[in-house]
Amino acid sequence: MYPVSRRSARLRLRELSVDDVAKVHAIYGSSEATEHLSFTPRSRQEVGWIVARSVASSFAKPRTEYALAVVENDSDDVIGFGRIATDPHQENAATFGFALRPDCWGVGYGAETVWLLLGLAFEELDLHRVWGARSPLNQASARTMASVGMVEEGVIREHIQREGRWRDSVVHSMLQHEWSKGAG
């Protein structure tokens, strides 16, 4: 499916373009924004490679990754990054993740972003299950995923290695029939 375009009251998801490197770097290059992610801040060059790979993957057949810009409707500003990647080990399932610029935290944009990503997953991609993992210390992400109806499933022990240390991840998921009940 190309191009992806989903909209909420304040935000929209759209395909990334090579023109988005600086905006994505404002997230992926930020130590604050990446504190709870699985990686340390990226250089501008690394973000350029990530964006280029994401743009290229949008044309793959079949498409297995949806790496998308999160854009404010009013300002047309890229404020975040969202991703859905189908799981080759589980039929009709995908992992998802998102990150927002720190200056956009605390106003509900996380929940809107997750809602848009889940809508894409269940309404357009017809997936059965979507799951994401977060740092146990990231309580804001826990609240965000709970607020849209995702279920906390448990802990993957020593799941992520970052800066030479192992970290657990907490898994949250939603099933298609749960989305159908809540989206109505």
C-alpha atoms as a PDB file:
ATOM      1  CA  MET A   1       0.000   0.000   0.000  1.00  0.00           C
ATOM      2  CA  TYR A   2       1.461   3.310  -1.080  1.00  0.00           C
ATOM      3  CA  PRO A   3       1.091   6.103  -0.201  1.00  0.00           C
ATOM      4  CA  VAL A   4      -0.062   5.942   3.404  1.00  0.00           C
ATOM      5  CA  SER A   5      -2.073   8.896   4.614  1.00  0.00           C
ATOM      6  CA  ARG A   6      -4.078   8.840   7.847  1.00  0.00           C
ATOM      7  CA  ARG A   7      -5.392  11.831   9.748  1.00  0.00           C
ATOM      8  CA  SER A   8      -6.690  12.645  13.220  1.00  0.00           C
ATOM      9  CA  ALA A   9      -7.870  15.948  14.639  1.00  0.00           C
ATOM     10  CA  ARG A  10      -4.359  17.337  15.115  1.00  0.00           C
ATOM     11  CA  LEU A  11      -1.980  14.942  13.370  1.00  0.00           C
ATOM     12  CA  ARG A  12      -1.459  12.925  10.244  1.00  0.00           C
ATOM     13  CA  LEU A  13       0.777  10.119   9.106  1.00  0.00           C
ATOM     14  CA  ARG A  14       2.433  10.409   5.741  1.00  0.00           C
ATOM     15  CA  GLU A  15       5.220   8.733   3.858  1.00  0.00           C
ATOM     16  CA  LEU A  16       8.742   9.879   4.706  1.00  0.00           C
ATOM     17  CA  SER A  17      10.771  11.726   2.118  1.00  0.00           C
ATOM     18  CA  VAL A  18      14.476  12.498   1.872  1.00  0.00           C
ATOM     19  CA  ASP A  19      13.544  16.085   2.773  1.00  0.00           C
ATOM     20  CA  ASP A  20      12.633  14.858   6.292  1.00  0.00           C
ATOM     21  CA  VAL A  21      16.176  13.985   7.418  1.00  0.00           C
ATOM     22  CA  ALA A  22      16.663  17.112   9.560  1.00  0.00           C
ATOM     23  CA  LYS A  23      13.260  16.697  11.233  1.00  0.00           C
ATOM     24  CA  VAL A  24      13.846  12.995  11.972  1.00  0.00           C
ATOM     25  CA  HIS A  25      17.321  13.858  13.257  1.00  0.00           C
ATOM     26  CA  ALA A  26      15.688  16.256  15.749  1.00  0.00           C
ATOM     27  CA  ILE A  27      14.205  13.079  17.281  1.00  0.00           C
ATOM     28  CA  TYR A  28      16.749  10.341  16.621  1.00  0.00           C
ATOM     29  CA  GLY A  29      19.676  12.642  17.331  1.00  0.00           C
ATOM     30  CA  SER A  30      18.275  13.785  20.680  1.00  0.00           C
ATOM     31  CA  SER A  31      19.533  12.135  23.860  1.00  0.00           C
ATOM     32  CA  GLU A  32      16.253  13.085  25.547  1.00  0.00           C
ATOM     33  CA  ALA A  33      14.067  11.590  22.793  1.00  0.00           C
ATOM     34  CA  THR A  34      16.114   8.372  22.579  1.00  0.00           C
ATOM     35  CA  GLU A  35      16.588   7.879  26.341  1.00  0.00           C
ATOM     36  CA  HIS A  36      14.096   4.976  26.444  1.00  0.00           C
ATOM     37  CA  LEU A  37      14.555   3.729  22.876  1.00  0.00           C
ATOM     38  CA  SER A  38      16.639   0.713  21.892  1.00  0.00           C
ATOM     39  CA  PHE A  39      19.472   2.849  20.517  1.00  0.00           C
ATOM     40  CA  THR A  40      21.625   5.832  21.446  1.00  0.00           C
ATOM     41  CA  PRO A  41      21.335   9.133  19.550  1.00  0.00           C
ATOM     42  CA  ARG A  42      22.095   8.853  15.848  1.00  0.00           C
ATOM     43  CA  SER A  43      24.250  11.162  13.780  1.00  0.00           C
ATOM     44  CA  ARG A  44      22.706  13.159  10.957  1.00  0.00           C
ATOM     45  CA  GLN A  45      24.397  10.820   8.481  1.00  0.00           C
ATOM     46  CA  GLU A  46      22.938   7.743  10.209  1.00  0.00           C
ATOM     47  CA  VAL A  47      19.480   9.326  10.161  1.00  0.00           C
ATOM     48  CA  GLY A  48      19.978  10.018   6.449  1.00  0.00           C
ATOM     49  CA  TRP A  49      20.599   6.317   5.898  1.00  0.00           C
ATOM     50  CA  ILE A  50      17.561   5.376   7.997  1.00  0.00           C
ATOM     51  CA  VAL A  51      15.308   7.731   6.042  1.00  0.00           C
ATOM     52  CA  ALA A  52      16.716   6.577   2.686  1.00  0.00           C
ATOM     53  CA  ARG A  53      16.165   2.914   3.645  1.00  0.00           C
ATOM     54  CA  SER A  54      12.653   3.730   4.833  1.00  0.00           C
ATOM     55  CA  VAL A  55      11.792   5.547   1.607  1.00  0.00           C
ATOM     56  CA  ALA A  56      13.128   2.613  -0.436  1.00  0.00           C
ATOM     57  CA  SER A  57      11.198   0.081   1.670  1.00  0.00           C
ATOM     58  CA  SER A  58       7.948   1.914   0.959  1.00  0.00           C
ATOM     59  CA  PHE A  59       8.104   0.641  -2.626  1.00  0.00           C
ATOM     60  CA  ALA A  60       8.850  -3.002  -1.759  1.00  0.00           C
ATOM     61  CA  LYS A  61       6.419  -5.627  -2.982  1.00  0.00           C
ATOM     62  CA  PRO A  62       5.162  -6.975  -0.695  1.00  0.00           C
ATOM     63  CA  ARG A  63       5.596  -4.047   1.614  1.00  0.00           C
ATOM     64  CA  THR A  64       6.683  -5.186   5.071  1.00  0.00           C
ATOM     65  CA  GLU A  65       7.627  -1.872   6.680  1.00  0.00           C
ATOM     66  CA  TYR A  66       5.710   1.357   7.085  1.00  0.00           C
ATOM     67  CA  ALA A  67       8.085   4.049   8.374  1.00  0.00           C
ATOM     68  CA  LEU A  68       6.068   7.239   8.486  1.00  0.00           C
ATOM     69  CA  ALA A  69       6.358  10.890   9.398  1.00  0.00           C
ATOM     70  CA  VAL A  70       4.034  12.174  12.128  1.00  0.00           C
ATOM     71  CA  VAL A  71       2.977  15.664  11.065  1.00  0.00           C
ATOM     72  CA  GLU A  72       1.028  18.423  12.843  1.00  0.00           C
ATOM     73  CA  ASN A  73      -1.949  19.356  10.679  1.00  0.00           C
ATOM     74  CA  ASP A  74      -1.862  23.072  11.526  1.00  0.00           C
ATOM     75  CA  SER A  75       1.854  23.708  11.063  1.00  0.00           C
ATOM     76  CA  ASP A  76       2.736  20.948   8.567  1.00  0.00           C
ATOM     77  CA  ASP A  77       5.733  20.286  10.851  1.00  0.00           C
ATOM     78  CA  VAL A  78       7.197  16.784  11.247  1.00  0.00           C
ATOM     79  CA  ILE A  79       7.072  16.161  14.988  1.00  0.00           C
ATOM     80  CA  GLY A  80       7.555  12.423  15.104  1.00  0.00           C
ATOM     81  CA  PHE A  81       8.282   9.107  13.510  1.00  0.00           C
ATOM     82  CA  GLY A  82       6.065   6.020  13.509  1.00  0.00           C
ATOM     83  CA  ARG A  83       6.776   2.531  12.259  1.00  0.00           C
ATOM     84  CA  ILE A  84       4.878  -0.687  11.644  1.00  0.00           C
ATOM     85  CA  ALA A  85       6.811  -3.753  10.506  1.00  0.00           C
ATOM     86  CA  THR A  86       5.104  -7.019   9.734  1.00  0.00           C
ATOM     87  CA  ASP A  87       6.396  -9.989  11.689  1.00  0.00           C
ATOM     88  CA  PRO A  88       7.776 -12.756   9.445  1.00  0.00           C
ATOM     89  CA  HIS A  89       7.349 -15.235  12.313  1.00  0.00           C
ATOM     90  CA  GLN A  90       3.663 -14.587  12.953  1.00  0.00           C
ATOM     91  CA  GLU A  91       0.997 -14.430  10.294  1.00  0.00           C
ATOM     92  CA  ASN A  92      -0.973 -11.167  10.150  1.00  0.00           C
ATOM     93  CA  ALA A  93       1.022  -9.570  12.948  1.00  0.00           C
ATOM     94  CA  ALA A  94       3.340  -6.601  13.249  1.00  0.00           C
ATOM     95  CA  THR A  95       5.509  -4.716  15.667  1.00  0.00           C
ATOM     96  CA  PHE A  96       5.168  -0.977  15.997  1.00  0.00           C
ATOM     97  CA  GLY A  97       7.024   1.906  17.521  1.00  0.00           C
ATOM     98  CA  PHE A  98       6.950   5.665  17.649  1.00  0.00           C
ATOM     99  CA  ALA A  99       8.991   8.605  18.850  1.00  0.00           C
ATOM    100  CA  LEU A 100       8.146  12.282  19.155  1.00  0.00           C
ATOM    101  CA  ARG A 101      10.236  15.407  19.528  1.00  0.00           C
ATOM    102  CA  PRO A 102      10.550  16.229  23.243  1.00  0.00           C
ATOM    103  CA  ASP A 103       9.001  19.685  22.779  1.00  0.00           C
ATOM    104  CA  CYS A 104       5.819  17.906  21.644  1.00  0.00           C
ATOM    105  CA  TRP A 105       5.480  15.655  24.692  1.00  0.00           C
ATOM    106  CA  GLY A 106       2.697  15.961  27.242  1.00  0.00           C
ATOM    107  CA  VAL A 107      -0.119  17.172  24.983  1.00  0.00           C
ATOM    108  CA  GLY A 108      -1.603  13.830  23.858  1.00  0.00           C
ATOM    109  CA  TYR A 109       0.282  13.512  20.580  1.00  0.00           C
ATOM    110  CA  GLY A 110       1.628  10.101  21.633  1.00  0.00           C
ATOM    111  CA  ALA A 111      -1.860   8.646  22.001  1.00  0.00           C
ATOM    112  CA  GLU A 112      -2.954  10.211  18.702  1.00  0.00           C
ATOM    113  CA  THR A 113       0.111   8.755  16.979  1.00  0.00           C
ATOM    114  CA  VAL A 114      -0.509   5.276  18.379  1.00  0.00           C
ATOM    115  CA  TRP A 115      -4.186   5.529  17.427  1.00  0.00           C
ATOM    116  CA  LEU A 116      -3.245   6.442  13.851  1.00  0.00           C
ATOM    117  CA  LEU A 117      -0.739   3.578  13.635  1.00  0.00           C
ATOM    118  CA  LEU A 118      -3.236   1.056  15.013  1.00  0.00           C
ATOM    119  CA  GLY A 119      -5.879   2.306  12.585  1.00  0.00           C
ATOM    120  CA  LEU A 120      -3.477   1.729   9.710  1.00  0.00           C
ATOM    121  CA  ALA A 121      -2.639  -1.735  11.033  1.00  0.00           C
ATOM    122  CA  PHE A 122      -6.180  -2.951  11.606  1.00  0.00           C
ATOM    123  CA  GLU A 123      -8.279  -1.025   9.087  1.00  0.00           C
ATOM    124  CA  GLU A 124      -5.976  -0.837   6.093  1.00  0.00           C
ATOM    125  CA  LEU A 125      -3.446  -3.648   6.525  1.00  0.00           C
ATOM    126  CA  ASP A 126      -6.030  -6.028   8.027  1.00  0.00           C
ATOM    127  CA  LEU A 127      -3.643  -7.297  10.684  1.00  0.00           C
ATOM    128  CA  HIS A 128      -4.717  -9.555  13.537  1.00  0.00           C
ATOM    129  CA  ARG A 129      -2.174  -8.495  16.181  1.00  0.00           C
ATOM    130  CA  VAL A 130       0.064  -5.471  16.765  1.00  0.00           C
ATOM    131  CA  TRP A 131       2.595  -5.269  19.555  1.00  0.00           C
ATOM    132  CA  GLY A 132       5.228  -2.878  20.782  1.00  0.00           C
ATOM    133  CA  ALA A 133       7.846  -2.916  23.495  1.00  0.00           C
ATOM    134  CA  ARG A 134       8.948  -0.126  25.807  1.00  0.00           C
ATOM    135  CA  SER A 135      11.578   0.470  28.441  1.00  0.00           C
ATOM    136  CA  PRO A 136      10.314  -0.424  31.928  1.00  0.00           C
ATOM    137  CA  LEU A 137      11.278   3.107  32.970  1.00  0.00           C
ATOM    138  CA  ASN A 138       9.168   4.775  30.281  1.00  0.00           C
ATOM    139  CA  GLN A 139       5.957   5.361  32.228  1.00  0.00           C
ATOM    140  CA  ALA A 140       4.721   7.979  29.741  1.00  0.00           C
ATOM    141  CA  SER A 141       4.734   5.332  27.006  1.00  0.00           C
ATOM    142  CA  ALA A 142       2.962   2.885  29.343  1.00  0.00           C
ATOM    143  CA  ARG A 143       0.199   5.448  29.949  1.00  0.00           C
ATOM    144  CA  THR A 144      -0.024   6.227  26.228  1.00  0.00           C
ATOM    145  CA  MET A 145      -0.475   2.621  25.182  1.00  0.00           C
ATOM    146  CA  ALA A 146      -2.958   1.936  27.987  1.00  0.00           C
ATOM    147  CA  SER A 147      -4.968   5.032  27.024  1.00  0.00           C
ATOM    148  CA  VAL A 148      -5.681   3.620  23.560  1.00  0.00           C
ATOM    149  CA  GLY A 149      -6.645   0.198  24.914  1.00  0.00           C
ATOM    150  CA  MET A 150      -3.433  -1.763  24.431  1.00  0.00           C
ATOM    151  CA  VAL A 151      -2.892  -4.581  26.919  1.00  0.00           C
ATOM    152  CA  GLU A 152       0.336  -4.916  28.883  1.00  0.00           C
ATOM    153  CA  GLU A 153       1.371  -8.525  28.320  1.00  0.00           C
ATOM    154  CA  GLY A 154       4.572  -8.880  30.289  1.00  0.00           C
ATOM    155  CA  VAL A 155       8.319  -8.496  30.248  1.00  0.00           C
ATOM    156  CA  ILE A 156      10.909  -9.716  27.781  1.00  0.00           C
ATOM    157  CA  ARG A 157      13.943 -10.132  29.998  1.00  0.00           C
ATOM    158  CA  GLU A 158      17.233  -8.618  28.855  1.00  0.00           C
ATOM    159  CA  HIS A 159      15.726  -7.880  25.458  1.00  0.00           C
ATOM    160  CA  ILE A 160      17.730  -4.807  24.409  1.00  0.00           C
ATOM    161  CA  GLN A 161      21.437  -4.171  24.682  1.00  0.00           C
ATOM    162  CA  ARG A 162      22.248  -0.497  24.834  1.00  0.00           C
ATOM    163  CA  GLU A 163      25.629   0.940  25.669  1.00  0.00           C
ATOM    164  CA  GLY A 164      26.892  -2.489  26.717  1.00  0.00           C
ATOM    165  CA  ARG A 165      24.076  -3.145  29.210  1.00  0.00           C
ATOM    166  CA  TRP A 166      21.072  -5.412  28.867  1.00  0.00           C
ATOM    167  CA  ARG A 167      17.629  -3.957  29.462  1.00  0.00           C
ATOM    168  CA  ASP A 168      14.222  -5.573  29.795  1.00  0.00           C
ATOM    169  CA  SER A 169      11.301  -4.560  27.616  1.00  0.00           C
ATOM    170  CA  VAL A 170       7.620  -4.407  28.549  1.00  0.00           C
ATOM    171  CA  VAL A 171       5.294  -5.666  25.806  1.00  0.00           C
ATOM    172  CA  HIS A 172       1.927  -4.075  24.979  1.00  0.00           C
ATOM    173  CA  SER A 173      -0.419  -5.403  22.308  1.00  0.00           C
ATOM    174  CA  MET A 174      -3.793  -5.073  20.712  1.00  0.00           C
ATOM    175  CA  LEU A 175      -5.808  -7.585  18.703  1.00  0.00           C
ATOM    176  CA  GLN A 176      -8.024  -6.721  15.763  1.00  0.00           C
ATOM    177  CA  HIS A 177     -11.255  -7.594  17.585  1.00  0.00           C
ATOM    178  CA  GLU A 178     -10.217  -5.335  20.493  1.00  0.00           C
ATOM    179  CA  TRP A 179      -9.661  -2.490  18.021  1.00  0.00           C
ATOM    180  CA  SER A 180     -13.062  -3.131  16.434  1.00  0.00           C
ATOM    181  CA  LYS A 181     -14.791  -2.847  19.803  1.00  0.00           C
ATOM    182  CA  GLY A 182     -12.975   0.367  20.771  1.00  0.00           C
ATOM    183  CA  ALA A 183     -13.004   2.104  17.382  1.00  0.00           C
ATOM    184  CA  GLY A 184     -16.774   1.974  17.014  1.00  0.00           C
END
